Amino acid sequence: MTITRNEILTALNKLEEFVLAIVEVEGDAVKDPVYVQRPFQKAPDFGVTSVNYDAAELFGRAEAPG
């Protein structure tokens, strides 16, 4: 799963406001969204434009809406 540098920086600067929403899509099948609070731990290096994250790890930390 690829996340842009700007998304990561926004999340880190607005810890209480930012929630990463993930929707799994496979072909015509679309699952309900799940949410990850505080998904990122550190800012990417200066020259980085995006970061690839392990989708299974993010889904493992996600919560259903509620």
PDB file of N, CA and C in Angstrom:
ATOM      1  N   MET A   1       0.852  -1.150   0.000  1.00  0.00           N
ATOM      2  CA  MET A   1       0.000   0.000   0.000  1.00  0.00           C
ATOM      3  C   MET A   1       0.910   1.229   0.000  1.00  0.00           C
ATOM      4  N   THR A   2       0.718   2.125  -0.941  1.00  0.00           N
ATOM      5  CA  THR A   2       1.571   3.304  -1.066  1.00  0.00           C
ATOM      6  C   THR A   2       0.888   4.526  -0.467  1.00  0.00           C
ATOM      7  N   ILE A   3       1.608   5.214   0.420  1.00  0.00           N
ATOM      8  CA  ILE A   3       1.115   6.413   1.091  1.00  0.00           C
ATOM      9  C   ILE A   3       2.070   7.554   0.740  1.00  0.00           C
ATOM     10  N   THR A   4       1.527   8.709   0.376  1.00  0.00           N
ATOM     11  CA  THR A   4       2.388   9.830   0.006  1.00  0.00           C
ATOM     12  C   THR A   4       3.030  10.475   1.230  1.00  0.00           C
ATOM     13  N   ARG A   5       4.135  11.132   0.984  1.00  0.00           N
ATOM     14  CA  ARG A   5       4.848  11.868   2.042  1.00  0.00           C
ATOM     15  C   ARG A   5       3.912  12.891   2.697  1.00  0.00           C
ATOM     16  N   ASN A   6       3.130  13.617   1.889  1.00  0.00           N
ATOM     17  CA  ASN A   6       2.226  14.627   2.430  1.00  0.00           C
ATOM     18  C   ASN A   6       1.175  14.022   3.353  1.00  0.00           C
ATOM     19  N   GLU A   7       0.660  12.851   2.998  1.00  0.00           N
ATOM     20  CA  GLU A   7      -0.315  12.183   3.868  1.00  0.00           C
ATOM     21  C   GLU A   7       0.317  11.805   5.210  1.00  0.00           C
ATOM     22  N   ILE A   8       1.528  11.308   5.170  1.00  0.00           N
ATOM     23  CA  ILE A   8       2.219  10.922   6.397  1.00  0.00           C
ATOM     24  C   ILE A   8       2.488  12.150   7.265  1.00  0.00           C
ATOM     25  N   LEU A   9       2.984  13.218   6.662  1.00  0.00           N
ATOM     26  CA  LEU A   9       3.277  14.437   7.426  1.00  0.00           C
ATOM     27  C   LEU A   9       2.007  15.037   8.020  1.00  0.00           C
ATOM     28  N   THR A  10       0.921  15.022   7.265  1.00  0.00           N
ATOM     29  CA  THR A  10      -0.358  15.513   7.793  1.00  0.00           C
ATOM     30  C   THR A  10      -0.782  14.683   8.994  1.00  0.00           C
ATOM     31  N   ALA A  11      -0.673  13.376   8.878  1.00  0.00           N
ATOM     32  CA  ALA A  11      -1.053  12.488   9.984  1.00  0.00           C
ATOM     33  C   ALA A  11      -0.212  12.756  11.225  1.00  0.00           C
ATOM     34  N   LEU A  12       1.077  12.975  11.051  1.00  0.00           N
ATOM     35  CA  LEU A  12       1.961  13.209  12.191  1.00  0.00           C
ATOM     36  C   LEU A  12       1.732  14.584  12.829  1.00  0.00           C
ATOM     37  N   ASN A  13       1.306  15.553  12.032  1.00  0.00           N
ATOM     38  CA  ASN A  13       1.067  16.899  12.557  1.00  0.00           C
ATOM     39  C   ASN A  13      -0.320  17.071  13.154  1.00  0.00           C
ATOM     40  N   LYS A  14      -1.221  16.156  12.877  1.00  0.00           N
ATOM     41  CA  LYS A  14      -2.596  16.230  13.393  1.00  0.00           C
ATOM     42  C   LYS A  14      -2.984  14.885  13.999  1.00  0.00           C
ATOM     43  N   LEU A  15      -2.232  14.452  14.993  1.00  0.00           N
ATOM     44  CA  LEU A  15      -2.401  13.116  15.568  1.00  0.00           C
ATOM     45  C   LEU A  15      -3.830  12.807  15.987  1.00  0.00           C
ATOM     46  N   GLU A  16      -4.508  13.753  16.600  1.00  0.00           N
ATOM     47  CA  GLU A  16      -5.854  13.507  17.109  1.00  0.00           C
ATOM     48  C   GLU A  16      -6.924  13.608  16.029  1.00  0.00           C
ATOM     49  N   GLU A  17      -6.616  14.239  14.899  1.00  0.00           N
ATOM     50  CA  GLU A  17      -7.610  14.474  13.856  1.00  0.00           C
ATOM     51  C   GLU A  17      -7.503  13.499  12.678  1.00  0.00           C
ATOM     52  N   PHE A  18      -6.311  12.971  12.430  1.00  0.00           N
ATOM     53  CA  PHE A  18      -6.090  12.160  11.236  1.00  0.00           C
ATOM     54  C   PHE A  18      -6.406  10.699  11.515  1.00  0.00           C
ATOM     55  N   VAL A  19      -7.215  10.113  10.653  1.00  0.00           N
ATOM     56  CA  VAL A  19      -7.510   8.680  10.699  1.00  0.00           C
ATOM     57  C   VAL A  19      -7.333   8.139   9.289  1.00  0.00           C
ATOM     58  N   LEU A  20      -6.538   7.092   9.152  1.00  0.00           N
ATOM     59  CA  LEU A  20      -6.335   6.476   7.844  1.00  0.00           C
ATOM     60  C   LEU A  20      -7.494   5.522   7.573  1.00  0.00           C
ATOM     61  N   ALA A  21      -8.235   5.774   6.513  1.00  0.00           N
ATOM     62  CA  ALA A  21      -9.331   4.905   6.103  1.00  0.00           C
ATOM     63  C   ALA A  21      -8.825   3.988   4.991  1.00  0.00           C
ATOM     64  N   ILE A  22      -9.099   2.706   5.126  1.00  0.00           N
ATOM     65  CA  ILE A  22      -8.657   1.720   4.139  1.00  0.00           C
ATOM     66  C   ILE A  22      -9.882   0.973   3.614  1.00  0.00           C
ATOM     67  N   VAL A  23      -9.991   0.912   2.301  1.00  0.00           N
ATOM     68  CA  VAL A  23     -11.069   0.157   1.661  1.00  0.00           C
ATOM     69  C   VAL A  23     -10.423  -0.882   0.755  1.00  0.00           C
ATOM     70  N   GLU A  24     -10.755  -2.130   0.968  1.00  0.00           N
ATOM     71  CA  GLU A  24     -10.194  -3.213   0.166  1.00  0.00           C
ATOM     72  C   GLU A  24     -11.102  -3.456  -1.053  1.00  0.00           C
ATOM     73  N   VAL A  25     -10.495  -3.410  -2.238  1.00  0.00           N
ATOM     74  CA  VAL A  25     -11.225  -3.602  -3.488  1.00  0.00           C
ATOM     75  C   VAL A  25     -10.536  -4.698  -4.281  1.00  0.00           C
ATOM     76  N   GLU A  26     -11.328  -5.680  -4.706  1.00  0.00           N
ATOM     77  CA  GLU A  26     -10.784  -6.752  -5.545  1.00  0.00           C
ATOM     78  C   GLU A  26     -11.801  -7.029  -6.644  1.00  0.00           C
ATOM     79  N   GLY A  27     -11.468  -6.636  -7.845  1.00  0.00           N
ATOM     80  CA  GLY A  27     -12.411  -6.782  -8.951  1.00  0.00           C
ATOM     81  C   GLY A  27     -13.638  -5.924  -8.696  1.00  0.00           C
ATOM     82  N   ASP A  28     -14.810  -6.557  -8.709  1.00  0.00           N
ATOM     83  CA  ASP A  28     -16.059  -5.839  -8.433  1.00  0.00           C
ATOM     84  C   ASP A  28     -16.427  -5.853  -6.952  1.00  0.00           C
ATOM     85  N   ALA A  29     -15.678  -6.594  -6.153  1.00  0.00           N
ATOM     86  CA  ALA A  29     -15.987  -6.714  -4.721  1.00  0.00           C
ATOM     87  C   ALA A  29     -15.333  -5.579  -3.938  1.00  0.00           C
ATOM     88  N   VAL A  30     -16.149  -4.897  -3.141  1.00  0.00           N
ATOM     89  CA  VAL A  30     -15.665  -3.797  -2.306  1.00  0.00           C
ATOM     90  C   VAL A  30     -16.077  -4.077  -0.872  1.00  0.00           C
ATOM     91  N   LYS A  31     -15.097  -4.126   0.028  1.00  0.00           N
ATOM     92  CA  LYS A  31     -15.385  -4.382   1.442  1.00  0.00           C
ATOM     93  C   LYS A  31     -15.641  -3.065   2.168  1.00  0.00           C
ATOM     94  N   ASP A  32     -16.241  -3.160   3.329  1.00  0.00           N
ATOM     95  CA  ASP A  32     -16.480  -1.977   4.156  1.00  0.00           C
ATOM     96  C   ASP A  32     -15.154  -1.366   4.586  1.00  0.00           C
ATOM     97  N   PRO A  33     -15.120  -0.054   4.768  1.00  0.00           N
ATOM     98  CA  PRO A  33     -13.874   0.597   5.201  1.00  0.00           C
ATOM     99  C   PRO A  33     -13.514   0.209   6.639  1.00  0.00           C
ATOM    100  N   VAL A  34     -12.221   0.241   6.906  1.00  0.00           N
ATOM    101  CA  VAL A  34     -11.694   0.094   8.265  1.00  0.00           C
ATOM    102  C   VAL A  34     -10.787   1.287   8.521  1.00  0.00           C
ATOM    103  N   TYR A  35     -10.524   1.572   9.781  1.00  0.00           N
ATOM    104  CA  TYR A  35      -9.810   2.791  10.142  1.00  0.00           C
ATOM    105  C   TYR A  35      -8.623   2.496  11.042  1.00  0.00           C
ATOM    106  N   VAL A  36      -7.524   3.237  10.825  1.00  0.00           N
ATOM    107  CA  VAL A  36      -6.319   3.084  11.646  1.00  0.00           C
ATOM    108  C   VAL A  36      -6.025   4.432  12.301  1.00  0.00           C
ATOM    109  N   GLN A  37      -6.054   4.461  13.630  1.00  0.00           N
ATOM    110  CA  GLN A  37      -5.667   5.652  14.385  1.00  0.00           C
ATOM    111  C   GLN A  37      -4.143   5.683  14.476  1.00  0.00           C
ATOM    112  N   ARG A  38      -3.549   6.844  14.339  1.00  0.00           N
ATOM    113  CA  ARG A  38      -2.085   7.015  14.428  1.00  0.00           C
ATOM    114  C   ARG A  38      -1.321   5.959  13.630  1.00  0.00           C
ATOM    115  N   PRO A  39      -1.526   5.953  12.321  1.00  0.00           N
ATOM    116  CA  PRO A  39      -0.949   4.896  11.499  1.00  0.00           C
ATOM    117  C   PRO A  39       0.563   4.986  11.275  1.00  0.00           C
ATOM    118  N   PHE A  40       1.145   6.166  11.469  1.00  0.00           N
ATOM    119  CA  PHE A  40       2.560   6.342  11.136  1.00  0.00           C
ATOM    120  C   PHE A  40       3.355   6.738  12.373  1.00  0.00           C
ATOM    121  N   GLN A  41       4.611   6.273  12.439  1.00  0.00           N
ATOM    122  CA  GLN A  41       5.455   6.491  13.605  1.00  0.00           C
ATOM    123  C   GLN A  41       6.482   7.594  13.413  1.00  0.00           C
ATOM    124  N   LYS A  42       6.916   7.805  12.166  1.00  0.00           N
ATOM    125  CA  LYS A  42       7.959   8.812  11.916  1.00  0.00           C
ATOM    126  C   LYS A  42       7.810   9.383  10.514  1.00  0.00           C
ATOM    127  N   ALA A  43       8.383  10.562  10.332  1.00  0.00           N
ATOM    128  CA  ALA A  43       8.364  11.222   9.029  1.00  0.00           C
ATOM    129  C   ALA A  43       9.341  10.522   8.080  1.00  0.00           C
ATOM    130  N   PRO A  44       8.986  10.460   6.797  1.00  0.00           N
ATOM    131  CA  PRO A  44       9.922   9.898   5.822  1.00  0.00           C
ATOM    132  C   PRO A  44      11.117  10.828   5.614  1.00  0.00           C
ATOM    133  N   ASP A  45      12.201  10.289   5.112  1.00  0.00           N
ATOM    134  CA  ASP A  45      13.378  11.100   4.801  1.00  0.00           C
ATOM    135  C   ASP A  45      13.011  12.218   3.837  1.00  0.00           C
ATOM    136  N   PHE A  46      13.844  13.245   3.790  1.00  0.00           N
ATOM    137  CA  PHE A  46      13.569  14.456   3.019  1.00  0.00           C
ATOM    138  C   PHE A  46      13.245  14.189   1.551  1.00  0.00           C
ATOM    139  N   GLY A  47      14.002  13.357   0.881  1.00  0.00           N
ATOM    140  CA  GLY A  47      13.831  13.133  -0.548  1.00  0.00           C
ATOM    141  C   GLY A  47      12.769  12.120  -0.917  1.00  0.00           C
ATOM    142  N   VAL A  48      12.105  11.538   0.039  1.00  0.00           N
ATOM    143  CA  VAL A  48      11.111  10.505  -0.210  1.00  0.00           C
ATOM    144  C   VAL A  48       9.781  11.142  -0.614  1.00  0.00           C
ATOM    145  N   THR A  49       9.156  10.638  -1.678  1.00  0.00           N
ATOM    146  CA  THR A  49       7.860  11.169  -2.111  1.00  0.00           C
ATOM    147  C   THR A  49       6.698  10.288  -1.673  1.00  0.00           C
ATOM    148  N   SER A  50       6.980   8.998  -1.441  1.00  0.00           N
ATOM    149  CA  SER A  50       5.946   8.081  -0.957  1.00  0.00           C
ATOM    150  C   SER A  50       6.625   6.913  -0.241  1.00  0.00           C
ATOM    151  N   VAL A  51       5.835   6.192   0.536  1.00  0.00           N
ATOM    152  CA  VAL A  51       6.344   5.048   1.291  1.00  0.00           C
ATOM    153  C   VAL A  51       5.391   3.883   1.069  1.00  0.00           C
ATOM    154  N   ASN A  52       5.943   2.690   0.865  1.00  0.00           N
ATOM    155  CA  ASN A  52       5.128   1.483   0.730  1.00  0.00           C
ATOM    156  C   ASN A  52       5.001   0.815   2.094  1.00  0.00           C
ATOM    157  N   TYR A  53       3.768   0.523   2.468  1.00  0.00           N
ATOM    158  CA  TYR A  53       3.480  -0.150   3.733  1.00  0.00           C
ATOM    159  C   TYR A  53       2.893  -1.518   3.456  1.00  0.00           C
ATOM    160  N   ASP A  54       3.127  -2.444   4.364  1.00  0.00           N
ATOM    161  CA  ASP A  54       2.564  -3.775   4.276  1.00  0.00           C
ATOM    162  C   ASP A  54       1.068  -3.685   4.586  1.00  0.00           C
ATOM    163  N   ALA A  55       0.232  -3.997   3.612  1.00  0.00           N
ATOM    164  CA  ALA A  55      -1.212  -3.877   3.785  1.00  0.00           C
ATOM    165  C   ALA A  55      -1.715  -4.770   4.924  1.00  0.00           C
ATOM    166  N   ALA A  56      -1.175  -5.976   5.046  1.00  0.00           N
ATOM    167  CA  ALA A  56      -1.618  -6.884   6.110  1.00  0.00           C
ATOM    168  C   ALA A  56      -1.342  -6.289   7.484  1.00  0.00           C
ATOM    169  N   GLU A  57      -0.214  -5.612   7.635  1.00  0.00           N
ATOM    170  CA  GLU A  57       0.114  -4.989   8.930  1.00  0.00           C
ATOM    171  C   GLU A  57      -0.858  -3.858   9.232  1.00  0.00           C
ATOM    172  N   LEU A  58      -1.166  -3.024   8.241  1.00  0.00           N
ATOM    173  CA  LEU A  58      -2.131  -1.941   8.457  1.00  0.00           C
ATOM    174  C   LEU A  58      -3.521  -2.480   8.749  1.00  0.00           C
ATOM    175  N   PHE A  59      -3.952  -3.492   8.008  1.00  0.00           N
ATOM    176  CA  PHE A  59      -5.264  -4.112   8.278  1.00  0.00           C
ATOM    177  C   PHE A  59      -5.290  -4.737   9.680  1.00  0.00           C
ATOM    178  N   GLY A  60      -4.161  -5.260  10.123  1.00  0.00           N
ATOM    179  CA  GLY A  60      -4.084  -5.844  11.461  1.00  0.00           C
ATOM    180  C   GLY A  60      -4.272  -4.820  12.570  1.00  0.00           C
ATOM    181  N   ARG A  61      -3.954  -3.567  12.305  1.00  0.00           N
ATOM    182  CA  ARG A  61      -4.117  -2.499  13.299  1.00  0.00           C
ATOM    183  C   ARG A  61      -5.428  -1.753  13.135  1.00  0.00           C
ATOM    184  N   ALA A  62      -6.191  -2.082  12.114  1.00  0.00           N
ATOM    185  CA  ALA A  62      -7.419  -1.353  11.788  1.00  0.00           C
ATOM    186  C   ALA A  62      -8.595  -1.762  12.670  1.00  0.00           C
ATOM    187  N   GLU A  63      -9.539  -0.844  12.774  1.00  0.00           N
ATOM    188  CA  GLU A  63     -10.777  -1.084  13.505  1.00  0.00           C
ATOM    189  C   GLU A  63     -11.962  -0.816  12.585  1.00  0.00           C
ATOM    190  N   ALA A  64     -13.020  -1.564  12.783  1.00  0.00           N
ATOM    191  CA  ALA A  64     -14.246  -1.318  12.029  1.00  0.00           C
ATOM    192  C   ALA A  64     -14.876  -0.027  12.521  1.00  0.00           C
ATOM    193  N   PRO A  65     -15.657   0.649  11.691  1.00  0.00           N
ATOM    194  CA  PRO A  65     -16.311   1.885  12.137  1.00  0.00           C
ATOM    195  C   PRO A  65     -17.242   1.587  13.305  1.00  0.00           C
ATOM    196  N   GLY A  66     -17.319   2.547  14.189  1.00  0.00           N
ATOM    197  CA  GLY A  66     -18.200   2.291  15.313  1.00  0.00           C
ATOM    198  C   GLY A  66     -18.367   3.456  16.115  1.00  0.00           C
TER     199      GLY A  66
END
